[in-house]
């Protein structure tokens, strides 16, 4: 299910997620369910800095008709982070960025990527 989250980042695969979970003790895989069963999965971690800790959404994927990731899952995901100063998510989906901003998230960075010559 998390494979869809790699669509816009072709260098990463689900295997990279597996390795991250295996080698980074701060990264955790969460299963998201409702009363009817599975909605999706999220990989989350907390990064610690001098000014505070930040909850990072590494990957998240949900698929269930009528499930809106931001409206339904994001508050639950935010609730999983304890003792953080802020949250961070990276997305290549313009529509998701717009929904996140409507939910109180602020754009703080722009990421540009260029293919290196071979």
C-alpha atoms as a PDB file:
ATOM      1  CA  UNK A   1       0.000   0.000   0.000  1.00  0.00           C
ATOM      2  CA  UNK A   2       2.893   2.389   0.683  1.00  0.00           C
ATOM      3  CA  UNK A   3       4.225   1.880  -2.842  1.00  0.00           C
ATOM      4  CA  UNK A   4       1.945   4.676  -4.059  1.00  0.00           C
ATOM      5  CA  UNK A   5       3.816   7.122  -1.828  1.00  0.00           C
ATOM      6  CA  UNK A   6       6.980   6.589  -3.915  1.00  0.00           C
ATOM      7  CA  UNK A   7       5.326   7.666  -7.195  1.00  0.00           C
ATOM      8  CA  UNK A   8       6.902  11.128  -7.247  1.00  0.00           C
ATOM      9  CA  UNK A   9      10.225  10.003  -5.772  1.00  0.00           C
ATOM     10  CA  UNK A  10      11.456   7.306  -8.157  1.00  0.00           C
ATOM     11  CA  UNK A  11      14.742   6.814  -6.307  1.00  0.00           C
ATOM     12  CA  UNK A  12      12.898   5.377  -3.303  1.00  0.00           C
ATOM     13  CA  UNK A  13      11.074   2.082  -3.130  1.00  0.00           C
ATOM     14  CA  UNK A  14       9.168   0.159  -0.509  1.00  0.00           C
ATOM     15  CA  UNK A  15      12.437  -1.678   0.136  1.00  0.00           C
ATOM     16  CA  UNK A  16      13.933   1.650   1.259  1.00  0.00           C
ATOM     17  CA  UNK A  17      11.072   1.990   3.745  1.00  0.00           C
ATOM     18  CA  UNK A  18      11.754  -1.529   5.021  1.00  0.00           C
ATOM     19  CA  UNK A  19      15.450  -0.719   5.477  1.00  0.00           C
ATOM     20  CA  UNK A  20      14.613   2.543   7.244  1.00  0.00           C
ATOM     21  CA  UNK A  21      12.337   0.718   9.685  1.00  0.00           C
ATOM     22  CA  UNK A  22      14.954  -1.973  10.219  1.00  0.00           C
ATOM     23  CA  UNK A  23      17.873   0.388  10.876  1.00  0.00           C
ATOM     24  CA  UNK A  24      16.372   3.563  12.351  1.00  0.00           C
ATOM     25  CA  UNK A  25      14.968   2.998  15.848  1.00  0.00           C
ATOM     26  CA  UNK A  26      13.133   6.348  15.657  1.00  0.00           C
ATOM     27  CA  UNK A  27      11.096   5.263  12.604  1.00  0.00           C
ATOM     28  CA  UNK A  28       7.875   3.330  13.229  1.00  0.00           C
ATOM     29  CA  UNK A  29       5.240   1.774  10.975  1.00  0.00           C
ATOM     30  CA  UNK A  30       1.637   2.449  11.976  1.00  0.00           C
ATOM     31  CA  UNK A  31      -1.447   0.689  10.672  1.00  0.00           C
ATOM     32  CA  UNK A  32      -4.518   2.917  10.331  1.00  0.00           C
ATOM     33  CA  UNK A  33      -7.884   1.231  10.850  1.00  0.00           C
ATOM     34  CA  UNK A  34     -11.461   2.267  11.357  1.00  0.00           C
ATOM     35  CA  UNK A  35     -14.479   0.232  12.488  1.00  0.00           C
ATOM     36  CA  UNK A  36     -14.575  -1.525   9.125  1.00  0.00           C
ATOM     37  CA  UNK A  37     -10.893  -2.446   8.921  1.00  0.00           C
ATOM     38  CA  UNK A  38      -7.737  -1.272   7.198  1.00  0.00           C
ATOM     39  CA  UNK A  39      -7.529   2.272   5.846  1.00  0.00           C
ATOM     40  CA  UNK A  40      -3.791   2.639   5.315  1.00  0.00           C
ATOM     41  CA  UNK A  41      -0.290   2.797   6.712  1.00  0.00           C
ATOM     42  CA  UNK A  42       2.098   5.530   7.822  1.00  0.00           C
ATOM     43  CA  UNK A  43       5.796   5.599   8.576  1.00  0.00           C
ATOM     44  CA  UNK A  44       6.581   8.208  11.197  1.00  0.00           C
ATOM     45  CA  UNK A  45       9.637   9.263  13.127  1.00  0.00           C
ATOM     46  CA  UNK A  46      10.710  11.963  15.542  1.00  0.00           C
ATOM     47  CA  UNK A  47      13.817  14.001  14.810  1.00  0.00           C
ATOM     48  CA  UNK A  48      15.491  15.825  17.678  1.00  0.00           C
ATOM     49  CA  UNK A  49      17.095  19.257  17.341  1.00  0.00           C
ATOM     50  CA  UNK A  50      18.464  21.820  19.793  1.00  0.00           C
ATOM     51  CA  UNK A  51      15.274  23.889  19.512  1.00  0.00           C
ATOM     52  CA  UNK A  52      12.902  20.945  19.975  1.00  0.00           C
ATOM     53  CA  UNK A  53      11.676  17.734  18.410  1.00  0.00           C
ATOM     54  CA  UNK A  54       9.819  17.424  15.136  1.00  0.00           C
ATOM     55  CA  UNK A  55       7.378  14.706  14.148  1.00  0.00           C
ATOM     56  CA  UNK A  56       8.097  13.647  10.570  1.00  0.00           C
ATOM     57  CA  UNK A  57       5.687  11.882   8.268  1.00  0.00           C
ATOM     58  CA  UNK A  58       8.030   9.799   6.106  1.00  0.00           C
ATOM     59  CA  UNK A  59       5.312   8.052   4.117  1.00  0.00           C
ATOM     60  CA  UNK A  60       1.571   7.731   4.334  1.00  0.00           C
ATOM     61  CA  UNK A  61      -0.900   5.992   2.116  1.00  0.00           C
ATOM     62  CA  UNK A  62      -4.584   5.441   2.567  1.00  0.00           C
ATOM     63  CA  UNK A  63      -7.103   3.868   0.326  1.00  0.00           C
ATOM     64  CA  UNK A  64     -10.727   3.595   1.162  1.00  0.00           C
ATOM     65  CA  UNK A  65     -13.566   5.190  -0.718  1.00  0.00           C
ATOM     66  CA  UNK A  66     -14.608   8.365   1.060  1.00  0.00           C
ATOM     67  CA  UNK A  67     -11.473   8.526   3.214  1.00  0.00           C
ATOM     68  CA  UNK A  68      -9.807  11.903   3.024  1.00  0.00           C
ATOM     69  CA  UNK A  69      -6.247  11.517   4.233  1.00  0.00           C
ATOM     70  CA  UNK A  70      -5.937  15.035   5.610  1.00  0.00           C
ATOM     71  CA  UNK A  71      -9.353  15.286   7.222  1.00  0.00           C
ATOM     72  CA  UNK A  72      -9.492  11.819   8.787  1.00  0.00           C
ATOM     73  CA  UNK A  73      -5.981  10.490   9.236  1.00  0.00           C
ATOM     74  CA  UNK A  74      -3.866  13.584   9.775  1.00  0.00           C
ATOM     75  CA  UNK A  75      -5.300  14.442  13.215  1.00  0.00           C
ATOM     76  CA  UNK A  76      -4.779  10.821  14.267  1.00  0.00           C
ATOM     77  CA  UNK A  77      -1.215  10.846  12.954  1.00  0.00           C
ATOM     78  CA  UNK A  78      -0.463  14.141  14.703  1.00  0.00           C
ATOM     79  CA  UNK A  79      -1.771  12.566  17.917  1.00  0.00           C
ATOM     80  CA  UNK A  80       0.804   9.774  17.681  1.00  0.00           C
ATOM     81  CA  UNK A  81       3.671  12.240  18.111  1.00  0.00           C
ATOM     82  CA  UNK A  82       4.268  12.971  21.796  1.00  0.00           C
ATOM     83  CA  UNK A  83       6.407  15.870  23.021  1.00  0.00           C
ATOM     84  CA  UNK A  84       7.107  17.432  19.642  1.00  0.00           C
ATOM     85  CA  UNK A  85       7.379  21.128  18.859  1.00  0.00           C
ATOM     86  CA  UNK A  86       6.280  20.791  15.234  1.00  0.00           C
ATOM     87  CA  UNK A  87       5.381  18.349  12.465  1.00  0.00           C
ATOM     88  CA  UNK A  88       6.899  17.984   8.988  1.00  0.00           C
ATOM     89  CA  UNK A  89       5.710  16.319   5.804  1.00  0.00           C
ATOM     90  CA  UNK A  90       7.113  16.376   2.282  1.00  0.00           C
ATOM     91  CA  UNK A  91       4.757  16.022  -0.653  1.00  0.00           C
ATOM     92  CA  UNK A  92       4.963  16.341  -4.418  1.00  0.00           C
ATOM     93  CA  UNK A  93       1.195  16.523  -4.675  1.00  0.00           C
ATOM     94  CA  UNK A  94       0.059  20.115  -5.093  1.00  0.00           C
ATOM     95  CA  UNK A  95      -3.498  19.257  -4.039  1.00  0.00           C
ATOM     96  CA  UNK A  96      -2.283  17.650  -0.831  1.00  0.00           C
ATOM     97  CA  UNK A  97      -0.122  20.695  -0.070  1.00  0.00           C
ATOM     98  CA  UNK A  98      -3.204  22.892  -0.476  1.00  0.00           C
ATOM     99  CA  UNK A  99      -5.249  20.638   1.855  1.00  0.00           C
ATOM    100  CA  UNK A 100      -2.452  20.657   4.432  1.00  0.00           C
ATOM    101  CA  UNK A 101      -2.302  24.446   4.347  1.00  0.00           C
ATOM    102  CA  UNK A 102      -6.059  24.590   4.935  1.00  0.00           C
ATOM    103  CA  UNK A 103      -5.473  22.306   7.944  1.00  0.00           C
ATOM    104  CA  UNK A 104      -2.996  24.771   9.478  1.00  0.00           C
ATOM    105  CA  UNK A 105       0.281  23.604   7.985  1.00  0.00           C
ATOM    106  CA  UNK A 106       2.683  26.214   6.554  1.00  0.00           C
ATOM    107  CA  UNK A 107       4.931  25.822   3.539  1.00  0.00           C
ATOM    108  CA  UNK A 108       8.481  26.408   4.763  1.00  0.00           C
ATOM    109  CA  UNK A 109      10.629  24.934   1.970  1.00  0.00           C
ATOM    110  CA  UNK A 110      10.679  24.308  -1.740  1.00  0.00           C
ATOM    111  CA  UNK A 111      12.561  21.244  -2.981  1.00  0.00           C
ATOM    112  CA  UNK A 112      13.965  21.171  -6.491  1.00  0.00           C
ATOM    113  CA  UNK A 113      15.390  18.094  -8.176  1.00  0.00           C
ATOM    114  CA  UNK A 114      17.467  17.716 -11.325  1.00  0.00           C
ATOM    115  CA  UNK A 115      18.680  14.519 -12.926  1.00  0.00           C
ATOM    116  CA  UNK A 116      22.472  14.279 -12.845  1.00  0.00           C
ATOM    117  CA  UNK A 117      24.218  13.620 -16.148  1.00  0.00           C
ATOM    118  CA  UNK A 118      25.294  10.028 -16.546  1.00  0.00           C
END
